[in-house]
Structure formats: C-alpha cells, structure tokens
Amino acid sequence: MKLQQLRYIVEVAKHDLNVSATAQALFTSQPGVSKQIRLLEDELGVEIFVRSGKHLTQVTQVGQQIIDMATQVLRQTGTIKQIAQECSDEAVGDLTIATTHTQARYALPEVIRKFTDAYPEVALHMKQGTPAQIAELAASGAADFAIATEGMELFKDLIMMPCYEWNRSVVVPKDHPLASKAAEPQGLTLQDIADHPIVTYVFGFTGRSRLDDAFGALSLTPNVVFTATDADVIKTYVRLGLGVGIIASMAYDLEQDEDLVRIDAGHLFAPSVTHIGFRRGTFLRRYMLDLIQSFAPHLDHRRVQEAQNCFTSAEREALFSQVELPVR
C-alpha cells in the first residue's frame, strides 16, 4: 500500500469518479491512476469502486470506509510535514483563509498587512465563498482557516472560536426621507425601514438571518427588492435609488461612502458573532497562531490550545462563555 494509491482513490471520489479529470488534476495519466487503484484493490482483497466496463459508477460500502480512512491518513501525513517544516523554519510556509467578501474586504486587511510584514516568506491565499463553500474548503483541507458568521451548523466538524460581535447600519442617500434619523438613530424603527424597499445581503450571508428574525418578531414583512453578497454592490444600488441599504456597520467607509448617510441600527437587531475555525487535528504553526491572535486578541496561544482540547462544541461554548468579545 502506497500513499500515492491512497491519494488516487481520495481524488477520484472528489472528482465524482471521473478518472480522466482526476488524472488531469494530479498531472498524471489516466491509465496510471486506474492501474494503481486496481493494485490497491488487489492488495486489500476488496473492490473500492463499482465498475461498468471501463467506467467507475459508484463507491462500494467498504470502499467508502477505506476512502474516509485514507483521507485521514493523508491529513496526518500533511501534519507530519508541517511539524518538520516548523522545526526547520517556522517563518516559511503557506496559509489559506476561506471567508466571505465582507470579512475579506473590511475585517481582514489590517490583520493581513501586519501578518505579511511579520512573515514575508509565508505565501498567503484568500478564498471567498458562501458559508457552505467555506466549510467545505476548511473541512477538505483546501483552506487552513474558515472565517464566517452565518451557518455555524455547517462547521460542526471544525473547531470554531468566537472572534468579535458586530451589528448593522442603514445607509441611504442624503436626500432620502430616513436621512434625518442619523441625528437621532435611536428613533429609527423597524417599521420605518419596512415602509421602504430594502437592499441587503443574500440570505445565509453576513448575519442576514438576524435581520429576518427581527422583522419576523414584529410580524413585519420587509420588501427586499435586491440582494447581494457584497456590501459594496449593495451600496452601489442604494446610490441608484433602489432602496434602503442594510449592511454590516464595518462596511461603511467614512471617506468612500461620504455621499451616503449612515444610521446606526444596532438597537434593532441582535448582534452577530464572527468565528474563526480549523480542522480537528490540525498542527497550528506559530505563524498560524499569531494570525488568529492578531484577528482576535483574546484568542491567545493558551486559549486556542484549550479550545483544541475540548471534545464537544458545548465544551467550547462553556470555555468562551465568560469572554467579553470586542465589538466592531
């Protein structure tokens, strides 16, 4: 049994049993992949894949168990390499972060700037996506960290830690009827907002569920006429007069958005919490720990290790229950 063979069966499963696509992704030949899979099956004495002629049609029951175990073995192999690299040079490596546009655009820039100054020889990669895509990237090992707010149920296989609280603001053009509320934002009500067309985030993104919950609690039906995953896109359509914008407060830029009036809406919506997480069993190199603490100062090396030692999400929640999170 060879690691290469394990890698082949895992990649074939990832590529929907398409051997040709697998070979292309691994920069090898299709016959070579097929041969190594056959050799592994012969050695184990079981079929990992069901075949119809030359094509793989499905994974056998025992094959799925073997693929799951092979995935864990490959992850552990990667961990061994990371440990060795940490001993040889703790300031050289790669780091991939999967997150949403709002985090990448507004929460992470200063953290990334400091990180690249401190670790110029670490190649940093940013992948943006939906919460489901972010969870999959981190769970599969395609990303080292997942940073997200919505869909925490998607991240149950990761060690997720709370970073900070944030809330929302309403943005409108200066000549909008609600612009006068900026002087006394506490006077802004959900009914005021519901009386106008609304431009906001797609459901499942950037705390959108909190918005819907707030309107639903008062039996109000918001007239959402336009949604986007990108706060900058939302602000663009607010400028075009499409409606009242509801965005994360951190997404309002005093200079770039000076043509829009921001009205604090924190009293109308429950705050959201952004989390950072990683796979169980991940060996966190020093520069990875430093990035976590830079993003969330309360997540120092000791507390991250304590979170790793928790067996359940309930234990982690108890660990952070007394921590006062910063507000952005």
C-alpha atoms as a PDB file:
ATOM      1  CA  MET A   1       0.000   0.000   0.000  1.00  0.00           C
ATOM      2  CA  LYS A   2       1.376   3.380  -1.039  1.00  0.00           C
ATOM      3  CA  LEU A   3       0.407   6.916  -0.118  1.00  0.00           C
ATOM      4  CA  GLN A   4       0.109   7.639  -3.826  1.00  0.00           C
ATOM      5  CA  GLN A   5      -2.590   4.966  -4.138  1.00  0.00           C
ATOM      6  CA  LEU A   6      -4.499   6.421  -1.208  1.00  0.00           C
ATOM      7  CA  ARG A   7      -4.272   9.858  -2.779  1.00  0.00           C
ATOM      8  CA  TYR A   8      -5.645   8.489  -6.051  1.00  0.00           C
ATOM      9  CA  ILE A   9      -8.774   6.937  -4.513  1.00  0.00           C
ATOM     10  CA  VAL A  10      -9.484  10.053  -2.463  1.00  0.00           C
ATOM     11  CA  GLU A  11      -9.107  12.308  -5.504  1.00  0.00           C
ATOM     12  CA  VAL A  12     -11.243  10.029  -7.685  1.00  0.00           C
ATOM     13  CA  ALA A  13     -14.022  10.275  -5.090  1.00  0.00           C
ATOM     14  CA  LYS A  14     -13.644  14.082  -5.032  1.00  0.00           C
ATOM     15  CA  HIS A  15     -13.901  14.205  -8.844  1.00  0.00           C
ATOM     16  CA  ASP A  16     -17.198  12.285  -8.932  1.00  0.00           C
ATOM     17  CA  LEU A  17     -15.478   9.061 -10.057  1.00  0.00           C
ATOM     18  CA  ASN A  18     -14.108  10.740 -13.181  1.00  0.00           C
ATOM     19  CA  VAL A  19     -10.680   9.128 -13.604  1.00  0.00           C
ATOM     20  CA  SER A  20      -9.748  11.382 -16.517  1.00  0.00           C
ATOM     21  CA  ALA A  21     -10.440  14.560 -14.507  1.00  0.00           C
ATOM     22  CA  THR A  22      -8.549  13.077 -11.550  1.00  0.00           C
ATOM     23  CA  ALA A  23      -5.509  12.306 -13.687  1.00  0.00           C
ATOM     24  CA  GLN A  24      -5.565  15.832 -15.101  1.00  0.00           C
ATOM     25  CA  ALA A  25      -5.788  17.368 -11.609  1.00  0.00           C
ATOM     26  CA  LEU A  26      -2.873  15.236 -10.414  1.00  0.00           C
ATOM     27  CA  PHE A  27      -0.781  15.838 -13.563  1.00  0.00           C
ATOM     28  CA  THR A  28      -0.545  12.141 -14.345  1.00  0.00           C
ATOM     29  CA  SER A  29      -2.037   9.661 -16.817  1.00  0.00           C
ATOM     30  CA  GLN A  30      -5.480   8.100 -16.700  1.00  0.00           C
ATOM     31  CA  PRO A  31      -4.145   4.526 -17.193  1.00  0.00           C
ATOM     32  CA  GLY A  32      -1.673   5.131 -14.375  1.00  0.00           C
ATOM     33  CA  VAL A  33      -4.440   6.123 -11.959  1.00  0.00           C
ATOM     34  CA  SER A  34      -6.602   3.158 -12.957  1.00  0.00           C
ATOM     35  CA  LYS A  35      -3.695   0.732 -12.584  1.00  0.00           C
ATOM     36  CA  GLN A  36      -2.752   1.954  -9.110  1.00  0.00           C
ATOM     37  CA  ILE A  37      -6.362   1.714  -7.921  1.00  0.00           C
ATOM     38  CA  ARG A  38      -6.551  -1.877  -9.212  1.00  0.00           C
ATOM     39  CA  LEU A  39      -3.282  -2.741  -7.488  1.00  0.00           C
ATOM     40  CA  LEU A  40      -4.601  -1.356  -4.202  1.00  0.00           C
ATOM     41  CA  GLU A  41      -7.855  -3.297  -4.542  1.00  0.00           C
ATOM     42  CA  ASP A  42      -5.932  -6.495  -5.306  1.00  0.00           C
ATOM     43  CA  GLU A  43      -3.723  -5.974  -2.251  1.00  0.00           C
ATOM     44  CA  LEU A  44      -6.701  -5.324   0.030  1.00  0.00           C
ATOM     45  CA  GLY A  45      -8.832  -8.063  -1.490  1.00  0.00           C
ATOM     46  CA  VAL A  46     -11.917  -5.846  -1.884  1.00  0.00           C
ATOM     47  CA  GLU A  47     -13.396  -3.578  -4.528  1.00  0.00           C
ATOM     48  CA  ILE A  48     -13.345   0.104  -3.659  1.00  0.00           C
ATOM     49  CA  PHE A  49     -15.337   1.135  -6.740  1.00  0.00           C
ATOM     50  CA  VAL A  50     -18.146  -0.491  -8.720  1.00  0.00           C
ATOM     51  CA  ARG A  51     -17.401  -0.604 -12.445  1.00  0.00           C
ATOM     52  CA  SER A  52     -19.421  -0.697 -15.632  1.00  0.00           C
ATOM     53  CA  GLY A  53     -16.982  -1.577 -18.363  1.00  0.00           C
ATOM     54  CA  LYS A  54     -14.066   0.821 -18.021  1.00  0.00           C
ATOM     55  CA  HIS A  55     -16.058   3.390 -16.049  1.00  0.00           C
ATOM     56  CA  LEU A  56     -16.392   3.748 -12.282  1.00  0.00           C
ATOM     57  CA  THR A  57     -20.061   4.041 -11.358  1.00  0.00           C
ATOM     58  CA  GLN A  58     -20.156   4.195  -7.560  1.00  0.00           C
ATOM     59  CA  VAL A  59     -18.220   3.647  -4.346  1.00  0.00           C
ATOM     60  CA  THR A  60     -18.748   0.369  -2.536  1.00  0.00           C
ATOM     61  CA  GLN A  61     -19.736   0.357   1.126  1.00  0.00           C
ATOM     62  CA  VAL A  62     -16.325  -0.871   2.240  1.00  0.00           C
ATOM     63  CA  GLY A  63     -14.760   1.434  -0.325  1.00  0.00           C
ATOM     64  CA  GLN A  64     -16.291   4.464   1.379  1.00  0.00           C
ATOM     65  CA  GLN A  65     -14.810   3.371   4.694  1.00  0.00           C
ATOM     66  CA  ILE A  66     -11.406   2.954   3.053  1.00  0.00           C
ATOM     67  CA  ILE A  67     -11.643   6.378   1.384  1.00  0.00           C
ATOM     68  CA  ASP A  68     -12.600   8.007   4.699  1.00  0.00           C
ATOM     69  CA  MET A  69      -9.644   6.374   6.414  1.00  0.00           C
ATOM     70  CA  ALA A  70      -7.324   7.292   3.520  1.00  0.00           C
ATOM     71  CA  THR A  71      -8.433  10.914   3.835  1.00  0.00           C
ATOM     72  CA  GLN A  72      -7.443  10.921   7.498  1.00  0.00           C
ATOM     73  CA  VAL A  73      -4.096   9.290   6.698  1.00  0.00           C
ATOM     74  CA  LEU A  74      -3.310  11.929   4.061  1.00  0.00           C
ATOM     75  CA  ARG A  75      -4.217  14.706   6.505  1.00  0.00           C
ATOM     76  CA  GLN A  76      -1.918  13.215   9.134  1.00  0.00           C
ATOM     77  CA  THR A  77       0.835  12.971   6.531  1.00  0.00           C
ATOM     78  CA  GLY A  78       0.395  16.672   5.867  1.00  0.00           C
ATOM     79  CA  THR A  79       0.603  17.344   9.601  1.00  0.00           C
ATOM     80  CA  ILE A  80       3.890  15.442   9.816  1.00  0.00           C
ATOM     81  CA  LYS A  81       5.300  17.609   7.037  1.00  0.00           C
ATOM     82  CA  GLN A  82       4.131  20.756   8.833  1.00  0.00           C
ATOM     83  CA  ILE A  83       5.786  19.670  12.071  1.00  0.00           C
ATOM     84  CA  ALA A  84       9.037  19.015  10.251  1.00  0.00           C
ATOM     85  CA  GLN A  85       8.848  22.352   8.454  1.00  0.00           C
ATOM     86  CA  GLU A  86       8.154  24.149  11.732  1.00  0.00           C
ATOM     87  CA  CYS A  87      11.361  22.723  13.172  1.00  0.00           C
ATOM     88  CA  SER A  88      13.401  23.621  10.097  1.00  0.00           C
ATOM     89  CA  ASP A  89      11.968  27.138   9.563  1.00  0.00           C
ATOM     90  CA  GLU A  90       8.973  28.434  11.486  1.00  0.00           C
ATOM     91  CA  ALA A  91       8.616  31.550   9.300  1.00  0.00           C
ATOM     92  CA  VAL A  92       8.270  29.846   5.892  1.00  0.00           C
ATOM     93  CA  GLY A  93       5.152  28.175   4.556  1.00  0.00           C
ATOM     94  CA  ASP A  94       1.655  28.630   3.154  1.00  0.00           C
ATOM     95  CA  LEU A  95      -1.599  29.802   4.685  1.00  0.00           C
ATOM     96  CA  THR A  96      -5.047  29.724   3.084  1.00  0.00           C
ATOM     97  CA  ILE A  97      -8.076  31.524   4.521  1.00  0.00           C
ATOM     98  CA  ALA A  98     -11.639  30.849   3.376  1.00  0.00           C
ATOM     99  CA  THR A  99     -14.120  33.601   4.186  1.00  0.00           C
ATOM    100  CA  THR A 100     -16.864  35.895   2.900  1.00  0.00           C
ATOM    101  CA  HIS A 101     -16.423  39.122   0.988  1.00  0.00           C
ATOM    102  CA  THR A 102     -17.317  41.291   3.991  1.00  0.00           C
ATOM    103  CA  GLN A 103     -14.600  39.730   6.160  1.00  0.00           C
ATOM    104  CA  ALA A 104     -12.021  39.835   3.356  1.00  0.00           C
ATOM    105  CA  ARG A 105     -12.825  43.432   2.434  1.00  0.00           C
ATOM    106  CA  TYR A 106     -13.437  45.067   5.816  1.00  0.00           C
ATOM    107  CA  ALA A 107     -12.262  42.919   8.748  1.00  0.00           C
ATOM    108  CA  LEU A 108      -9.043  41.341   7.493  1.00  0.00           C
ATOM    109  CA  PRO A 109      -6.962  43.941   5.569  1.00  0.00           C
ATOM    110  CA  GLU A 110      -5.087  45.365   8.569  1.00  0.00           C
ATOM    111  CA  VAL A 111      -4.564  41.874  10.008  1.00  0.00           C
ATOM    112  CA  ILE A 112      -3.174  40.675   6.683  1.00  0.00           C
ATOM    113  CA  ARG A 113      -0.912  43.721   6.353  1.00  0.00           C
ATOM    114  CA  LYS A 114       0.637  43.085   9.763  1.00  0.00           C
ATOM    115  CA  PHE A 115       0.948  39.374   9.026  1.00  0.00           C
ATOM    116  CA  THR A 116       2.771  39.861   5.739  1.00  0.00           C
ATOM    117  CA  ASP A 117       5.125  42.344   7.407  1.00  0.00           C
ATOM    118  CA  ALA A 118       5.920  39.818  10.144  1.00  0.00           C
ATOM    119  CA  TYR A 119       6.067  36.754   7.868  1.00  0.00           C
ATOM    120  CA  PRO A 120       7.166  37.854   4.378  1.00  0.00           C
ATOM    121  CA  GLU A 121       8.070  34.271   3.415  1.00  0.00           C
ATOM    122  CA  VAL A 122       4.638  32.834   4.119  1.00  0.00           C
ATOM    123  CA  ALA A 123       2.519  32.617   0.958  1.00  0.00           C
ATOM    124  CA  LEU A 124      -0.969  33.822   1.851  1.00  0.00           C
ATOM    125  CA  HIS A 125      -4.086  32.836  -0.109  1.00  0.00           C
ATOM    126  CA  MET A 126      -7.662  34.107   0.278  1.00  0.00           C
ATOM    127  CA  LYS A 127     -10.692  32.171  -0.966  1.00  0.00           C
ATOM    128  CA  GLN A 128     -14.153  33.724  -0.842  1.00  0.00           C
ATOM    129  CA  GLY A 129     -17.432  31.871  -0.912  1.00  0.00           C
ATOM    130  CA  THR A 130     -20.736  31.028   0.729  1.00  0.00           C
ATOM    131  CA  PRO A 131     -20.756  29.628   4.266  1.00  0.00           C
ATOM    132  CA  ALA A 132     -21.278  26.139   2.805  1.00  0.00           C
ATOM    133  CA  GLN A 133     -18.320  26.588   0.445  1.00  0.00           C
ATOM    134  CA  ILE A 134     -16.148  27.964   3.250  1.00  0.00           C
ATOM    135  CA  ALA A 135     -16.984  24.989   5.483  1.00  0.00           C
ATOM    136  CA  GLU A 136     -16.164  22.537   2.693  1.00  0.00           C
ATOM    137  CA  LEU A 137     -12.857  24.240   1.880  1.00  0.00           C
ATOM    138  CA  ALA A 138     -11.750  24.030   5.505  1.00  0.00           C
ATOM    139  CA  ALA A 139     -13.066  20.516   6.125  1.00  0.00           C
ATOM    140  CA  SER A 140     -11.366  19.167   2.992  1.00  0.00           C
ATOM    141  CA  GLY A 141      -8.039  20.788   3.795  1.00  0.00           C
ATOM    142  CA  ALA A 142      -8.200  23.214   0.864  1.00  0.00           C
ATOM    143  CA  ALA A 143      -8.140  26.030   3.431  1.00  0.00           C
ATOM    144  CA  ASP A 144      -6.379  26.244   6.793  1.00  0.00           C
ATOM    145  CA  PHE A 145      -8.854  28.662   8.377  1.00  0.00           C
ATOM    146  CA  ALA A 146     -12.549  29.313   7.953  1.00  0.00           C
ATOM    147  CA  ILE A 147     -13.882  32.729   8.983  1.00  0.00           C
ATOM    148  CA  ALA A 148     -17.658  33.077   8.950  1.00  0.00           C
ATOM    149  CA  THR A 149     -20.718  34.392  10.746  1.00  0.00           C
ATOM    150  CA  GLU A 150     -23.677  32.507   9.311  1.00  0.00           C
ATOM    151  CA  GLY A 151     -24.446  28.796   9.134  1.00  0.00           C
ATOM    152  CA  MET A 152     -22.500  27.613  12.173  1.00  0.00           C
ATOM    153  CA  GLU A 153     -24.225  24.238  11.823  1.00  0.00           C
ATOM    154  CA  LEU A 154     -22.155  23.737   8.663  1.00  0.00           C
ATOM    155  CA  PHE A 155     -18.928  23.937  10.669  1.00  0.00           C
ATOM    156  CA  LYS A 156     -19.643  21.198  13.214  1.00  0.00           C
ATOM    157  CA  ASP A 157     -16.570  19.231  12.098  1.00  0.00           C
ATOM    158  CA  LEU A 158     -14.297  22.225  12.749  1.00  0.00           C
ATOM    159  CA  ILE A 159     -13.027  23.841  15.925  1.00  0.00           C
ATOM    160  CA  MET A 160     -14.818  27.202  15.757  1.00  0.00           C
ATOM    161  CA  MET A 161     -13.920  30.050  18.137  1.00  0.00           C
ATOM    162  CA  PRO A 162     -15.740  33.390  18.576  1.00  0.00           C
ATOM    163  CA  CYS A 163     -13.793  36.458  17.441  1.00  0.00           C
ATOM    164  CA  TYR A 164     -15.964  39.573  17.707  1.00  0.00           C
ATOM    165  CA  GLU A 165     -19.514  40.910  17.696  1.00  0.00           C
ATOM    166  CA  TRP A 166     -20.867  43.270  15.073  1.00  0.00           C
ATOM    167  CA  ASN A 167     -24.154  44.837  14.114  1.00  0.00           C
ATOM    168  CA  ARG A 168     -25.812  46.672  11.278  1.00  0.00           C
ATOM    169  CA  SER A 169     -26.371  50.126   9.889  1.00  0.00           C
ATOM    170  CA  VAL A 170     -28.861  51.562   7.461  1.00  0.00           C
ATOM    171  CA  VAL A 171     -27.402  53.552   4.558  1.00  0.00           C
ATOM    172  CA  VAL A 172     -29.407  55.958   2.408  1.00  0.00           C
ATOM    173  CA  PRO A 173     -28.701  58.862   0.008  1.00  0.00           C
ATOM    174  CA  LYS A 174     -28.555  62.283   1.655  1.00  0.00           C
ATOM    175  CA  ASP A 175     -31.949  63.292   0.216  1.00  0.00           C
ATOM    176  CA  HIS A 176     -33.742  60.165   1.462  1.00  0.00           C
ATOM    177  CA  PRO A 177     -36.642  60.602   3.952  1.00  0.00           C
ATOM    178  CA  LEU A 178     -34.793  58.473   6.540  1.00  0.00           C
ATOM    179  CA  ALA A 179     -31.601  60.553   6.366  1.00  0.00           C
ATOM    180  CA  SER A 180     -32.867  62.800   9.182  1.00  0.00           C
ATOM    181  CA  LYS A 181     -32.784  59.803  11.531  1.00  0.00           C
ATOM    182  CA  ALA A 182     -28.976  59.909  11.545  1.00  0.00           C
ATOM    183  CA  ALA A 183     -29.079  62.723  14.120  1.00  0.00           C
ATOM    184  CA  GLU A 184     -31.098  60.537  16.498  1.00  0.00           C
ATOM    185  CA  PRO A 185     -30.582  56.928  15.371  1.00  0.00           C
ATOM    186  CA  GLN A 186     -32.446  55.558  18.415  1.00  0.00           C
ATOM    187  CA  GLY A 187     -35.581  56.985  16.827  1.00  0.00           C
ATOM    188  CA  LEU A 188     -35.236  54.644  13.847  1.00  0.00           C
ATOM    189  CA  THR A 189     -37.732  51.769  13.961  1.00  0.00           C
ATOM    190  CA  LEU A 190     -38.170  48.564  12.005  1.00  0.00           C
ATOM    191  CA  GLN A 191     -41.462  49.957  10.741  1.00  0.00           C
ATOM    192  CA  ASP A 192     -39.588  52.968   9.325  1.00  0.00           C
ATOM    193  CA  ILE A 193     -37.361  50.594   7.362  1.00  0.00           C
ATOM    194  CA  ALA A 194     -40.231  48.310   6.313  1.00  0.00           C
ATOM    195  CA  ASP A 195     -42.012  51.320   4.767  1.00  0.00           C
ATOM    196  CA  HIS A 196     -39.297  51.421   2.071  1.00  0.00           C
ATOM    197  CA  PRO A 197     -37.795  48.987  -0.438  1.00  0.00           C
ATOM    198  CA  ILE A 198     -34.740  47.249   1.080  1.00  0.00           C
ATOM    199  CA  VAL A 199     -31.362  46.357  -0.392  1.00  0.00           C
ATOM    200  CA  THR A 200     -29.346  43.922   1.709  1.00  0.00           C
ATOM    201  CA  TYR A 201     -27.405  40.657   1.889  1.00  0.00           C
ATOM    202  CA  VAL A 202     -28.420  37.360   0.356  1.00  0.00           C
ATOM    203  CA  PHE A 203     -29.968  35.009   2.912  1.00  0.00           C
ATOM    204  CA  GLY A 204     -27.254  32.931   4.569  1.00  0.00           C
ATOM    205  CA  PHE A 205     -24.649  35.690   4.265  1.00  0.00           C
ATOM    206  CA  THR A 206     -23.263  38.172   6.777  1.00  0.00           C
ATOM    207  CA  GLY A 207     -25.857  37.873   9.517  1.00  0.00           C
ATOM    208  CA  ARG A 208     -28.890  38.082   7.224  1.00  0.00           C
ATOM    209  CA  SER A 209     -30.804  35.658   9.474  1.00  0.00           C
ATOM    210  CA  ARG A 210     -30.690  38.204  12.339  1.00  0.00           C
ATOM    211  CA  LEU A 211     -32.360  40.749  10.063  1.00  0.00           C
ATOM    212  CA  ASP A 212     -35.177  38.397   9.093  1.00  0.00           C
ATOM    213  CA  ASP A 213     -35.666  37.335  12.722  1.00  0.00           C
ATOM    214  CA  ALA A 214     -36.067  40.956  13.833  1.00  0.00           C
ATOM    215  CA  PHE A 215     -38.760  41.753  11.262  1.00  0.00           C
ATOM    216  CA  GLY A 216     -40.489  38.436  11.884  1.00  0.00           C
ATOM    217  CA  ALA A 217     -40.693  39.075  15.638  1.00  0.00           C
ATOM    218  CA  LEU A 218     -42.856  42.134  14.900  1.00  0.00           C
ATOM    219  CA  SER A 219     -44.829  40.374  12.138  1.00  0.00           C
ATOM    220  CA  LEU A 220     -43.381  42.763   9.575  1.00  0.00           C
ATOM    221  CA  THR A 221     -42.677  41.672   6.018  1.00  0.00           C
ATOM    222  CA  PRO A 222     -39.678  43.589   4.666  1.00  0.00           C
ATOM    223  CA  ASN A 223     -39.844  44.499   0.992  1.00  0.00           C
ATOM    224  CA  VAL A 224     -36.409  43.193  -0.035  1.00  0.00           C
ATOM    225  CA  VAL A 225     -36.053  44.211  -3.686  1.00  0.00           C
ATOM    226  CA  PHE A 226     -32.365  43.451  -4.214  1.00  0.00           C
ATOM    227  CA  THR A 227     -29.816  41.191  -2.520  1.00  0.00           C
ATOM    228  CA  ALA A 228     -26.075  40.712  -2.931  1.00  0.00           C
ATOM    229  CA  THR A 229     -23.181  39.013  -1.168  1.00  0.00           C
ATOM    230  CA  ASP A 230     -21.026  42.120  -1.465  1.00  0.00           C
ATOM    231  CA  ALA A 231     -21.608  45.238   0.682  1.00  0.00           C
ATOM    232  CA  ASP A 232     -20.022  47.422  -1.992  1.00  0.00           C
ATOM    233  CA  VAL A 233     -22.610  46.193  -4.508  1.00  0.00           C
ATOM    234  CA  ILE A 234     -25.389  46.899  -2.018  1.00  0.00           C
ATOM    235  CA  LYS A 235     -24.151  50.476  -1.559  1.00  0.00           C
ATOM    236  CA  THR A 236     -23.946  50.949  -5.330  1.00  0.00           C
ATOM    237  CA  TYR A 237     -27.632  50.142  -5.735  1.00  0.00           C
ATOM    238  CA  VAL A 238     -28.570  52.314  -2.778  1.00  0.00           C
ATOM    239  CA  ARG A 239     -26.899  55.172  -4.664  1.00  0.00           C
ATOM    240  CA  LEU A 240     -29.040  54.317  -7.683  1.00  0.00           C
ATOM    241  CA  GLY A 241     -32.157  54.798  -5.547  1.00  0.00           C
ATOM    242  CA  LEU A 242     -33.194  51.143  -5.499  1.00  0.00           C
ATOM    243  CA  GLY A 243     -33.909  51.194  -1.779  1.00  0.00           C
ATOM    244  CA  VAL A 244     -32.703  51.480   1.806  1.00  0.00           C
ATOM    245  CA  GLY A 245     -29.458  49.579   2.386  1.00  0.00           C
ATOM    246  CA  ILE A 246     -28.856  47.388   5.429  1.00  0.00           C
ATOM    247  CA  ILE A 247     -25.195  46.435   5.783  1.00  0.00           C
ATOM    248  CA  ALA A 248     -22.651  45.455   8.412  1.00  0.00           C
ATOM    249  CA  SER A 249     -21.607  48.665  10.185  1.00  0.00           C
ATOM    250  CA  MET A 250     -17.944  47.859   9.485  1.00  0.00           C
ATOM    251  CA  ALA A 251     -18.722  48.038   5.758  1.00  0.00           C
ATOM    252  CA  TYR A 252     -19.362  51.790   5.874  1.00  0.00           C
ATOM    253  CA  ASP A 253     -16.259  53.761   4.888  1.00  0.00           C
ATOM    254  CA  LEU A 254     -16.188  57.368   6.098  1.00  0.00           C
ATOM    255  CA  GLU A 255     -14.270  58.566   3.047  1.00  0.00           C
ATOM    256  CA  GLN A 256     -15.519  56.385   0.210  1.00  0.00           C
ATOM    257  CA  ASP A 257     -19.135  56.475   1.370  1.00  0.00           C
ATOM    258  CA  GLU A 258     -19.375  60.145   2.331  1.00  0.00           C
ATOM    259  CA  ASP A 259     -22.196  60.565  -0.194  1.00  0.00           C
ATOM    260  CA  LEU A 260     -24.331  58.168   1.870  1.00  0.00           C
ATOM    261  CA  VAL A 261     -25.854  58.759   5.291  1.00  0.00           C
ATOM    262  CA  ARG A 262     -25.232  56.003   7.840  1.00  0.00           C
ATOM    263  CA  ILE A 263     -27.840  55.384  10.524  1.00  0.00           C
ATOM    264  CA  ASP A 264     -26.860  53.065  13.348  1.00  0.00           C
ATOM    265  CA  ALA A 265     -29.363  50.189  13.619  1.00  0.00           C
ATOM    266  CA  GLY A 266     -27.691  48.235  16.413  1.00  0.00           C
ATOM    267  CA  HIS A 267     -30.727  48.727  18.659  1.00  0.00           C
ATOM    268  CA  LEU A 268     -32.974  46.998  16.115  1.00  0.00           C
ATOM    269  CA  PHE A 269     -31.098  43.769  15.506  1.00  0.00           C
ATOM    270  CA  ALA A 270     -29.426  41.177  17.716  1.00  0.00           C
ATOM    271  CA  PRO A 271     -25.638  41.300  17.282  1.00  0.00           C
ATOM    272  CA  SER A 272     -23.888  38.674  15.158  1.00  0.00           C
ATOM    273  CA  VAL A 273     -20.675  36.892  16.087  1.00  0.00           C
ATOM    274  CA  THR A 274     -17.897  36.122  13.629  1.00  0.00           C
ATOM    275  CA  HIS A 275     -15.947  32.909  14.229  1.00  0.00           C
ATOM    276  CA  ILE A 276     -12.623  31.518  13.068  1.00  0.00           C
ATOM    277  CA  GLY A 277     -12.047  27.781  12.847  1.00  0.00           C
ATOM    278  CA  PHE A 278      -9.840  24.955  11.621  1.00  0.00           C
ATOM    279  CA  ARG A 279      -9.911  21.163  11.246  1.00  0.00           C
ATOM    280  CA  ARG A 280      -9.528  18.915  14.244  1.00  0.00           C
ATOM    281  CA  GLY A 281      -6.018  17.536  14.487  1.00  0.00           C
ATOM    282  CA  THR A 282      -4.509  20.488  12.636  1.00  0.00           C
ATOM    283  CA  PHE A 283      -0.959  21.287  13.668  1.00  0.00           C
ATOM    284  CA  LEU A 284      -1.014  25.040  14.155  1.00  0.00           C
ATOM    285  CA  ARG A 285       2.322  26.546  13.246  1.00  0.00           C
ATOM    286  CA  ARG A 286       3.473  29.646  15.092  1.00  0.00           C
ATOM    287  CA  TYR A 287       2.528  31.997  12.276  1.00  0.00           C
ATOM    288  CA  MET A 288      -0.980  30.456  12.202  1.00  0.00           C
ATOM    289  CA  LEU A 289      -1.401  31.059  15.924  1.00  0.00           C
ATOM    290  CA  ASP A 290      -0.130  34.613  15.504  1.00  0.00           C
ATOM    291  CA  LEU A 291      -2.671  35.330  12.766  1.00  0.00           C
ATOM    292  CA  ILE A 292      -5.510  34.047  14.963  1.00  0.00           C
ATOM    293  CA  GLN A 293      -4.445  36.294  17.842  1.00  0.00           C
ATOM    294  CA  SER A 294      -3.995  39.284  15.542  1.00  0.00           C
ATOM    295  CA  PHE A 295      -7.549  38.807  14.265  1.00  0.00           C
ATOM    296  CA  ALA A 296      -8.975  38.142  17.745  1.00  0.00           C
ATOM    297  CA  PRO A 297      -6.621  39.252  20.566  1.00  0.00           C
ATOM    298  CA  HIS A 298      -8.419  37.190  23.208  1.00  0.00           C
ATOM    299  CA  LEU A 299      -7.552  34.023  21.255  1.00  0.00           C
ATOM    300  CA  ASP A 300      -4.009  33.727  22.534  1.00  0.00           C
ATOM    301  CA  HIS A 301      -1.985  30.530  22.163  1.00  0.00           C
ATOM    302  CA  ARG A 302      -3.150  29.128  25.504  1.00  0.00           C
ATOM    303  CA  ARG A 303      -6.843  29.673  24.827  1.00  0.00           C
ATOM    304  CA  VAL A 304      -6.605  28.186  21.330  1.00  0.00           C
ATOM    305  CA  GLN A 305      -4.974  25.094  22.808  1.00  0.00           C
ATOM    306  CA  GLU A 306      -7.758  24.854  25.377  1.00  0.00           C
ATOM    307  CA  ALA A 307     -10.293  25.012  22.538  1.00  0.00           C
ATOM    308  CA  GLN A 308      -8.437  22.199  20.751  1.00  0.00           C
ATOM    309  CA  ASN A 309      -8.671  20.087  23.905  1.00  0.00           C
ATOM    310  CA  CYS A 310     -12.467  20.436  24.087  1.00  0.00           C
ATOM    311  CA  PHE A 311     -14.265  17.308  22.906  1.00  0.00           C
ATOM    312  CA  THR A 312     -17.607  18.933  22.089  1.00  0.00           C
ATOM    313  CA  SER A 313     -18.946  22.250  20.855  1.00  0.00           C
ATOM    314  CA  ALA A 314     -20.754  22.608  24.201  1.00  0.00           C
ATOM    315  CA  GLU A 315     -17.401  22.467  25.998  1.00  0.00           C
ATOM    316  CA  ARG A 316     -16.024  25.161  23.694  1.00  0.00           C
ATOM    317  CA  GLU A 317     -19.078  27.341  24.288  1.00  0.00           C
ATOM    318  CA  ALA A 318     -18.506  26.996  28.035  1.00  0.00           C
ATOM    319  CA  LEU A 319     -14.842  27.897  27.544  1.00  0.00           C
ATOM    320  CA  PHE A 320     -15.758  31.193  25.886  1.00  0.00           C
ATOM    321  CA  SER A 321     -18.920  31.937  27.881  1.00  0.00           C
ATOM    322  CA  GLN A 322     -17.163  34.417  30.182  1.00  0.00           C
ATOM    323  CA  VAL A 323     -15.102  36.079  27.444  1.00  0.00           C
ATOM    324  CA  GLU A 324     -16.198  39.611  26.571  1.00  0.00           C
ATOM    325  CA  LEU A 325     -15.903  39.812  22.817  1.00  0.00           C
ATOM    326  CA  PRO A 326     -14.759  43.026  21.109  1.00  0.00           C
ATOM    327  CA  VAL A 327     -17.347  44.905  19.067  1.00  0.00           C
ATOM    328  CA  ARG A 328     -16.790  46.160  15.521  1.00  0.00           C
END
